[in-house]
Amino acid sequence: MVGFTIKELKKHLEKQFAEGMSWKNYGDWEIDHIIPLSAHNFSDVNHIDFKRAWSLDNLQPMWKIENLQKSNKLEQSFQPSLAI
């Protein structure tokens, strides 16, 4: 459905771990959507924006406090797919 395995997700996130991050302290950090889910325009798992929202390129580890502060703010411009 999302196009990657748990093993691939873990490897992707581990490459981006900040100092002090580990699987043992997951919860102190979270998986962040670089482009927030709220910025995407999808209604089902087959929609292109669902795939974009959940692609590895849109996921990163982030300290929980930073993720809470970021909330659903966009740090870059983004054009969701248009509903037709």
PDB file of N, CA and C in Angstrom:
ATOM      1  N   MET A   1       0.821  -1.197   0.000  1.00  0.00           N
ATOM      2  CA  MET A   1       0.000   0.000   0.000  1.00  0.00           C
ATOM      3  C   MET A   1       0.868   1.265   0.000  1.00  0.00           C
ATOM      4  N   VAL A   2       1.889   1.334   0.860  1.00  0.00           N
ATOM      5  CA  VAL A   2       2.715   2.535   0.929  1.00  0.00           C
ATOM      6  C   VAL A   2       3.985   2.428   0.083  1.00  0.00           C
ATOM      7  N   GLY A   3       4.298   1.233  -0.402  1.00  0.00           N
ATOM      8  CA  GLY A   3       5.419   1.093  -1.316  1.00  0.00           C
ATOM      9  C   GLY A   3       6.770   0.820  -0.674  1.00  0.00           C
ATOM     10  N   PHE A   4       6.793   0.524   0.611  1.00  0.00           N
ATOM     11  CA  PHE A   4       8.044   0.169   1.275  1.00  0.00           C
ATOM     12  C   PHE A   4       7.747  -0.765   2.434  1.00  0.00           C
ATOM     13  N   THR A   5       8.779  -1.471   2.858  1.00  0.00           N
ATOM     14  CA  THR A   5       8.639  -2.396   3.976  1.00  0.00           C
ATOM     15  C   THR A   5       9.007  -1.691   5.284  1.00  0.00           C
ATOM     16  N   ILE A   6       8.673  -2.321   6.383  1.00  0.00           N
ATOM     17  CA  ILE A   6       9.065  -1.797   7.703  1.00  0.00           C
ATOM     18  C   ILE A   6      10.584  -1.712   7.787  1.00  0.00           C
ATOM     19  N   LYS A   7      11.260  -2.706   7.257  1.00  0.00           N
ATOM     20  CA  LYS A   7      12.725  -2.707   7.276  1.00  0.00           C
ATOM     21  C   LYS A   7      13.271  -1.495   6.514  1.00  0.00           C
ATOM     22  N   GLU A   8      12.690  -1.193   5.356  1.00  0.00           N
ATOM     23  CA  GLU A   8      13.131  -0.030   4.575  1.00  0.00           C
ATOM     24  C   GLU A   8      12.829   1.269   5.321  1.00  0.00           C
ATOM     25  N   LEU A   9      11.678   1.336   5.980  1.00  0.00           N
ATOM     26  CA  LEU A   9      11.330   2.522   6.767  1.00  0.00           C
ATOM     27  C   LEU A   9      12.324   2.725   7.898  1.00  0.00           C
ATOM     28  N   LYS A  10      12.619   1.656   8.625  1.00  0.00           N
ATOM     29  CA  LYS A  10      13.565   1.762   9.742  1.00  0.00           C
ATOM     30  C   LYS A  10      14.928   2.228   9.262  1.00  0.00           C
ATOM     31  N   LYS A  11      15.408   1.672   8.155  1.00  0.00           N
ATOM     32  CA  LYS A  11      16.716   2.060   7.608  1.00  0.00           C
ATOM     33  C   LYS A  11      16.701   3.536   7.201  1.00  0.00           C
ATOM     34  N   HIS A  12      15.617   3.955   6.551  1.00  0.00           N
ATOM     35  CA  HIS A  12      15.478   5.350   6.121  1.00  0.00           C
ATOM     36  C   HIS A  12      15.529   6.297   7.325  1.00  0.00           C
ATOM     37  N   LEU A  13      14.786   5.980   8.356  1.00  0.00           N
ATOM     38  CA  LEU A  13      14.752   6.831   9.549  1.00  0.00           C
ATOM     39  C   LEU A  13      16.082   6.823  10.281  1.00  0.00           C
ATOM     40  N   GLU A  14      16.691   5.651  10.421  1.00  0.00           N
ATOM     41  CA  GLU A  14      17.967   5.545  11.138  1.00  0.00           C
ATOM     42  C   GLU A  14      19.051   6.401  10.487  1.00  0.00           C
ATOM     43  N   LYS A  15      19.026   6.513   9.168  1.00  0.00           N
ATOM     44  CA  LYS A  15      20.012   7.347   8.469  1.00  0.00           C
ATOM     45  C   LYS A  15      19.863   8.813   8.845  1.00  0.00           C
ATOM     46  N   GLN A  16      18.689   9.188   9.346  1.00  0.00           N
ATOM     47  CA  GLN A  16      18.408  10.581   9.671  1.00  0.00           C
ATOM     48  C   GLN A  16      18.359  10.854  11.174  1.00  0.00           C
ATOM     49  N   PHE A  17      18.622   9.845  11.991  1.00  0.00           N
ATOM     50  CA  PHE A  17      18.574  10.038  13.442  1.00  0.00           C
ATOM     51  C   PHE A  17      19.479  11.184  13.868  1.00  0.00           C
ATOM     52  N   ALA A  18      18.941  12.072  14.679  1.00  0.00           N
ATOM     53  CA  ALA A  18      19.755  13.106  15.328  1.00  0.00           C
ATOM     54  C   ALA A  18      20.503  12.446  16.482  1.00  0.00           C
ATOM     55  N   GLU A  19      21.507  13.125  16.968  1.00  0.00           N
ATOM     56  CA  GLU A  19      22.269  12.585  18.095  1.00  0.00           C
ATOM     57  C   GLU A  19      21.317  12.299  19.250  1.00  0.00           C
ATOM     58  N   GLY A  20      21.419  11.110  19.809  1.00  0.00           N
ATOM     59  CA  GLY A  20      20.590  10.719  20.933  1.00  0.00           C
ATOM     60  C   GLY A  20      19.344   9.930  20.559  1.00  0.00           C
ATOM     61  N   MET A  21      18.983   9.902  19.289  1.00  0.00           N
ATOM     62  CA  MET A  21      17.802   9.142  18.866  1.00  0.00           C
ATOM     63  C   MET A  21      18.137   7.669  18.715  1.00  0.00           C
ATOM     64  N   SER A  22      17.216   6.830  19.150  1.00  0.00           N
ATOM     65  CA  SER A  22      17.341   5.385  18.970  1.00  0.00           C
ATOM     66  C   SER A  22      15.944   4.790  19.029  1.00  0.00           C
ATOM     67  N   TRP A  23      15.840   3.525  18.682  1.00  0.00           N
ATOM     68  CA  TRP A  23      14.537   2.866  18.773  1.00  0.00           C
ATOM     69  C   TRP A  23      14.122   2.678  20.229  1.00  0.00           C
ATOM     70  N   LYS A  24      15.098   2.653  21.118  1.00  0.00           N
ATOM     71  CA  LYS A  24      14.776   2.504  22.535  1.00  0.00           C
ATOM     72  C   LYS A  24      14.068   3.729  23.099  1.00  0.00           C
ATOM     73  N   ASN A  25      14.332   4.915  22.512  1.00  0.00           N
ATOM     74  CA  ASN A  25      13.677   6.114  23.037  1.00  0.00           C
ATOM     75  C   ASN A  25      12.626   6.670  22.063  1.00  0.00           C
ATOM     76  N   TYR A  26      12.119   5.780  21.187  1.00  0.00           N
ATOM     77  CA  TYR A  26      10.994   6.184  20.342  1.00  0.00           C
ATOM     78  C   TYR A  26       9.846   6.585  21.267  1.00  0.00           C
ATOM     79  N   GLY A  27       9.271   7.703  21.001  1.00  0.00           N
ATOM     80  CA  GLY A  27       8.276   8.308  21.885  1.00  0.00           C
ATOM     81  C   GLY A  27       8.804   9.662  22.333  1.00  0.00           C
ATOM     82  N   ASP A  28      10.123   9.737  22.565  1.00  0.00           N
ATOM     83  CA  ASP A  28      10.770  11.039  22.769  1.00  0.00           C
ATOM     84  C   ASP A  28      10.906  11.720  21.409  1.00  0.00           C
ATOM     85  N   TRP A  29      10.957  10.908  20.368  1.00  0.00           N
ATOM     86  CA  TRP A  29      10.948  11.403  18.993  1.00  0.00           C
ATOM     87  C   TRP A  29       9.794  10.713  18.263  1.00  0.00           C
ATOM     88  N   GLU A  30       9.379  11.320  17.163  1.00  0.00           N
ATOM     89  CA  GLU A  30       8.242  10.807  16.383  1.00  0.00           C
ATOM     90  C   GLU A  30       8.598  10.778  14.908  1.00  0.00           C
ATOM     91  N   ILE A  31       7.765  10.131  14.134  1.00  0.00           N
ATOM     92  CA  ILE A  31       7.925  10.156  12.678  1.00  0.00           C
ATOM     93  C   ILE A  31       7.120  11.346  12.169  1.00  0.00           C
ATOM     94  N   ASP A  32       7.822  12.285  11.579  1.00  0.00           N
ATOM     95  CA  ASP A  32       7.231  13.520  11.075  1.00  0.00           C
ATOM     96  C   ASP A  32       6.979  13.404   9.578  1.00  0.00           C
ATOM     97  N   HIS A  33       5.858  13.971   9.149  1.00  0.00           N
ATOM     98  CA  HIS A  33       5.602  14.150   7.719  1.00  0.00           C
ATOM     99  C   HIS A  33       6.157  15.527   7.356  1.00  0.00           C
ATOM    100  N   ILE A  34       7.163  15.565   6.523  1.00  0.00           N
ATOM    101  CA  ILE A  34       7.798  16.823   6.134  1.00  0.00           C
ATOM    102  C   ILE A  34       6.745  17.767   5.564  1.00  0.00           C
ATOM    103  N   ILE A  35       5.967  17.286   4.612  1.00  0.00           N
ATOM    104  CA  ILE A  35       4.785  18.001   4.149  1.00  0.00           C
ATOM    105  C   ILE A  35       3.622  17.378   4.914  1.00  0.00           C
ATOM    106  N   PRO A  36       2.991  18.135   5.803  1.00  0.00           N
ATOM    107  CA  PRO A  36       1.971  17.569   6.690  1.00  0.00           C
ATOM    108  C   PRO A  36       0.829  16.883   5.940  1.00  0.00           C
ATOM    109  N   LEU A  37       0.260  15.887   6.591  1.00  0.00           N
ATOM    110  CA  LEU A  37      -0.876  15.177   5.993  1.00  0.00           C
ATOM    111  C   LEU A  37      -1.994  16.142   5.636  1.00  0.00           C
ATOM    112  N   SER A  38      -2.186  17.175   6.450  1.00  0.00           N
ATOM    113  CA  SER A  38      -3.276  18.123   6.204  1.00  0.00           C
ATOM    114  C   SER A  38      -3.083  18.934   4.919  1.00  0.00           C
ATOM    115  N   ALA A  39      -1.874  18.967   4.378  1.00  0.00           N
ATOM    116  CA  ALA A  39      -1.621  19.706   3.143  1.00  0.00           C
ATOM    117  C   ALA A  39      -1.956  18.882   1.896  1.00  0.00           C
ATOM    118  N   HIS A  40      -2.136  17.599   2.091  1.00  0.00           N
ATOM    119  CA  HIS A  40      -2.433  16.714   0.970  1.00  0.00           C
ATOM    120  C   HIS A  40      -3.936  16.632   0.736  1.00  0.00           C
ATOM    121  N   ASN A  41      -4.270  16.257  -0.478  1.00  0.00           N
ATOM    122  CA  ASN A  41      -5.669  16.187  -0.891  1.00  0.00           C
ATOM    123  C   ASN A  41      -5.966  14.769  -1.377  1.00  0.00           C
ATOM    124  N   PHE A  42      -6.249  13.866  -0.440  1.00  0.00           N
ATOM    125  CA  PHE A  42      -6.568  12.498  -0.866  1.00  0.00           C
ATOM    126  C   PHE A  42      -7.783  11.979  -0.114  1.00  0.00           C
ATOM    127  N   SER A  43      -8.486  11.092  -0.788  1.00  0.00           N
ATOM    128  CA  SER A  43      -9.680  10.507  -0.176  1.00  0.00           C
ATOM    129  C   SER A  43      -9.576   8.996  -0.043  1.00  0.00           C
ATOM    130  N   ASP A  44      -8.553   8.407  -0.665  1.00  0.00           N
ATOM    131  CA  ASP A  44      -8.354   6.965  -0.524  1.00  0.00           C
ATOM    132  C   ASP A  44      -6.887   6.629  -0.769  1.00  0.00           C
ATOM    133  N   VAL A  45      -6.522   5.401  -0.476  1.00  0.00           N
ATOM    134  CA  VAL A  45      -5.116   4.973  -0.533  1.00  0.00           C
ATOM    135  C   VAL A  45      -4.571   4.879  -1.949  1.00  0.00           C
ATOM    136  N   ASN A  46      -5.423   4.913  -2.941  1.00  0.00           N
ATOM    137  CA  ASN A  46      -4.964   4.828  -4.328  1.00  0.00           C
ATOM    138  C   ASN A  46      -4.671   6.187  -4.940  1.00  0.00           C
ATOM    139  N   HIS A  47      -4.988   7.249  -4.224  1.00  0.00           N
ATOM    140  CA  HIS A  47      -4.777   8.604  -4.734  1.00  0.00           C
ATOM    141  C   HIS A  47      -3.289   8.937  -4.719  1.00  0.00           C
ATOM    142  N   ILE A  48      -2.830   9.688  -5.720  1.00  0.00           N
ATOM    143  CA  ILE A  48      -1.414  10.064  -5.821  1.00  0.00           C
ATOM    144  C   ILE A  48      -0.940  10.836  -4.588  1.00  0.00           C
ATOM    145  N   ASP A  49      -1.795  11.674  -4.005  1.00  0.00           N
ATOM    146  CA  ASP A  49      -1.377  12.425  -2.814  1.00  0.00           C
ATOM    147  C   ASP A  49      -1.194  11.520  -1.596  1.00  0.00           C
ATOM    148  N   PHE A  50      -1.935  10.420  -1.526  1.00  0.00           N
ATOM    149  CA  PHE A  50      -1.702   9.462  -0.442  1.00  0.00           C
ATOM    150  C   PHE A  50      -0.294   8.898  -0.575  1.00  0.00           C
ATOM    151  N   LYS A  51       0.074   8.528  -1.780  1.00  0.00           N
ATOM    152  CA  LYS A  51       1.409   7.976  -2.028  1.00  0.00           C
ATOM    153  C   LYS A  51       2.493   9.013  -1.719  1.00  0.00           C
ATOM    154  N   ARG A  52       2.253  10.265  -2.085  1.00  0.00           N
ATOM    155  CA  ARG A  52       3.202  11.340  -1.793  1.00  0.00           C
ATOM    156  C   ARG A  52       3.315  11.574  -0.288  1.00  0.00           C
ATOM    157  N   ALA A  53       2.179  11.578   0.402  1.00  0.00           N
ATOM    158  CA  ALA A  53       2.163  11.841   1.845  1.00  0.00           C
ATOM    159  C   ALA A  53       2.931  10.788   2.622  1.00  0.00           C
ATOM    160  N   TRP A  54       2.826   9.534   2.185  1.00  0.00           N
ATOM    161  CA  TRP A  54       3.429   8.425   2.909  1.00  0.00           C
ATOM    162  C   TRP A  54       4.712   7.900   2.273  1.00  0.00           C
ATOM    163  N   SER A  55       5.274   8.625   1.299  1.00  0.00           N
ATOM    164  CA  SER A  55       6.529   8.179   0.702  1.00  0.00           C
ATOM    165  C   SER A  55       7.673   8.380   1.696  1.00  0.00           C
ATOM    166  N   LEU A  56       8.711   7.586   1.546  1.00  0.00           N
ATOM    167  CA  LEU A  56       9.874   7.723   2.427  1.00  0.00           C
ATOM    168  C   LEU A  56      10.455   9.131   2.357  1.00  0.00           C
ATOM    169  N   ASP A  57      10.376   9.752   1.183  1.00  0.00           N
ATOM    170  CA  ASP A  57      10.921  11.105   1.027  1.00  0.00           C
ATOM    171  C   ASP A  57      10.179  12.133   1.865  1.00  0.00           C
ATOM    172  N   ASN A  58       8.997  11.788   2.345  1.00  0.00           N
ATOM    173  CA  ASN A  58       8.212  12.715   3.152  1.00  0.00           C
ATOM    174  C   ASN A  58       8.227  12.378   4.642  1.00  0.00           C
ATOM    175  N   LEU A  59       9.035  11.413   5.029  1.00  0.00           N
ATOM    176  CA  LEU A  59       9.080  10.978   6.430  1.00  0.00           C
ATOM    177  C   LEU A  59      10.464  11.211   7.021  1.00  0.00           C
ATOM    178  N   GLN A  60      10.463  11.706   8.249  1.00  0.00           N
ATOM    179  CA  GLN A  60      11.734  11.938   8.948  1.00  0.00           C
ATOM    180  C   GLN A  60      11.520  11.801  10.448  1.00  0.00           C
ATOM    181  N   PRO A  61      12.569  11.398  11.163  1.00  0.00           N
ATOM    182  CA  PRO A  61      12.461  11.395  12.619  1.00  0.00           C
ATOM    183  C   PRO A  61      12.596  12.829  13.132  1.00  0.00           C
ATOM    184  N   MET A  62      11.823  13.163  14.152  1.00  0.00           N
ATOM    185  CA  MET A  62      11.894  14.507  14.723  1.00  0.00           C
ATOM    186  C   MET A  62      11.584  14.411  16.213  1.00  0.00           C
ATOM    187  N   TRP A  63      12.346  15.154  16.996  1.00  0.00           N
ATOM    188  CA  TRP A  63      12.068  15.173  18.424  1.00  0.00           C
ATOM    189  C   TRP A  63      10.615  15.589  18.642  1.00  0.00           C
ATOM    190  N   LYS A  64       9.965  14.967  19.595  1.00  0.00           N
ATOM    191  CA  LYS A  64       8.535  15.181  19.843  1.00  0.00           C
ATOM    192  C   LYS A  64       8.205  16.650  20.058  1.00  0.00           C
ATOM    193  N   ILE A  65       8.990  17.346  20.855  1.00  0.00           N
ATOM    194  CA  ILE A  65       8.726  18.763  21.142  1.00  0.00           C
ATOM    195  C   ILE A  65       8.822  19.601  19.868  1.00  0.00           C
ATOM    196  N   GLU A  66       9.800  19.284  19.006  1.00  0.00           N
ATOM    197  CA  GLU A  66       9.944  20.013  17.742  1.00  0.00           C
ATOM    198  C   GLU A  66       8.765  19.719  16.815  1.00  0.00           C
ATOM    199  N   ASN A  67       8.328  18.470  16.809  1.00  0.00           N
ATOM    200  CA  ASN A  67       7.204  18.092  15.958  1.00  0.00           C
ATOM    201  C   ASN A  67       5.920  18.781  16.431  1.00  0.00           C
ATOM    202  N   LEU A  68       5.740  18.895  17.737  1.00  0.00           N
ATOM    203  CA  LEU A  68       4.581  19.606  18.273  1.00  0.00           C
ATOM    204  C   LEU A  68       4.619  21.084  17.890  1.00  0.00           C
ATOM    205  N   GLN A  69       5.808  21.673  17.925  1.00  0.00           N
ATOM    206  CA  GLN A  69       5.961  23.084  17.562  1.00  0.00           C
ATOM    207  C   GLN A  69       5.742  23.284  16.066  1.00  0.00           C
ATOM    208  N   LYS A  70       6.214  22.353  15.269  1.00  0.00           N
ATOM    209  CA  LYS A  70       6.043  22.437  13.814  1.00  0.00           C
ATOM    210  C   LYS A  70       4.582  22.294  13.448  1.00  0.00           C
ATOM    211  N   SER A  71       3.879  21.402  14.131  1.00  0.00           N
ATOM    212  CA  SER A  71       2.468  21.131  13.898  1.00  0.00           C
ATOM    213  C   SER A  71       2.246  20.813  12.424  1.00  0.00           C
ATOM    214  N   ASN A  72       1.318  21.507  11.785  1.00  0.00           N
ATOM    215  CA  ASN A  72       1.055  21.233  10.377  1.00  0.00           C
ATOM    216  C   ASN A  72       1.543  22.370   9.486  1.00  0.00           C
ATOM    217  N   LYS A  73       2.575  23.084   9.947  1.00  0.00           N
ATOM    218  CA  LYS A  73       3.141  24.172   9.158  1.00  0.00           C
ATOM    219  C   LYS A  73       3.963  23.609   8.001  1.00  0.00           C
ATOM    220  N   LEU A  74       3.880  24.287   6.867  1.00  0.00           N
ATOM    221  CA  LEU A  74       4.704  23.927   5.710  1.00  0.00           C
ATOM    222  C   LEU A  74       6.010  24.703   5.775  1.00  0.00           C
ATOM    223  N   GLU A  75       7.115  24.001   5.604  1.00  0.00           N
ATOM    224  CA  GLU A  75       8.418  24.663   5.601  1.00  0.00           C
ATOM    225  C   GLU A  75       8.900  24.915   4.179  1.00  0.00           C
ATOM    226  N   GLN A  76       8.117  24.472   3.206  1.00  0.00           N
ATOM    227  CA  GLN A  76       8.443  24.688   1.804  1.00  0.00           C
ATOM    228  C   GLN A  76       7.134  24.800   1.032  1.00  0.00           C
ATOM    229  N   SER A  77       7.201  25.352  -0.170  1.00  0.00           N
ATOM    230  CA  SER A  77       5.969  25.447  -0.947  1.00  0.00           C
ATOM    231  C   SER A  77       5.568  24.056  -1.435  1.00  0.00           C
ATOM    232  N   PHE A  78       4.274  23.859  -1.578  1.00  0.00           N
ATOM    233  CA  PHE A  78       3.749  22.548  -1.956  1.00  0.00           C
ATOM    234  C   PHE A  78       2.419  22.734  -2.669  1.00  0.00           C
ATOM    235  N   GLN A  79       2.254  22.039  -3.777  1.00  0.00           N
ATOM    236  CA  GLN A  79       0.994  22.062  -4.515  1.00  0.00           C
ATOM    237  C   GLN A  79       0.391  20.668  -4.492  1.00  0.00           C
ATOM    238  N   PRO A  80      -0.689  20.491  -3.726  1.00  0.00           N
ATOM    239  CA  PRO A  80      -1.341  19.181  -3.733  1.00  0.00           C
ATOM    240  C   PRO A  80      -2.012  18.930  -5.080  1.00  0.00           C
ATOM    241  N   SER A  81      -2.313  17.689  -5.339  1.00  0.00           N
ATOM    242  CA  SER A  81      -3.055  17.353  -6.551  1.00  0.00           C
ATOM    243  C   SER A  81      -4.422  18.004  -6.482  1.00  0.00           C
ATOM    244  N   LEU A  82      -4.937  18.377  -7.609  1.00  0.00           N
ATOM    245  CA  LEU A  82      -6.264  18.996  -7.668  1.00  0.00           C
ATOM    246  C   LEU A  82      -7.320  17.925  -7.830  1.00  0.00           C
ATOM    247  N   ALA A  83      -8.392  18.050  -7.087  1.00  0.00           N
ATOM    248  CA  ALA A  83      -9.500  17.115  -7.219  1.00  0.00           C
ATOM    249  C   ALA A  83     -10.207  17.376  -8.543  1.00  0.00           C
ATOM    250  N   ILE A  84     -10.459  16.315  -9.270  1.00  0.00           N
ATOM    251  CA  ILE A  84     -11.126  16.438 -10.583  1.00  0.00           C
ATOM    252  C   ILE A  84     -12.480  15.776 -10.513  1.00  0.00           C
TER     253      ILE A  84
END
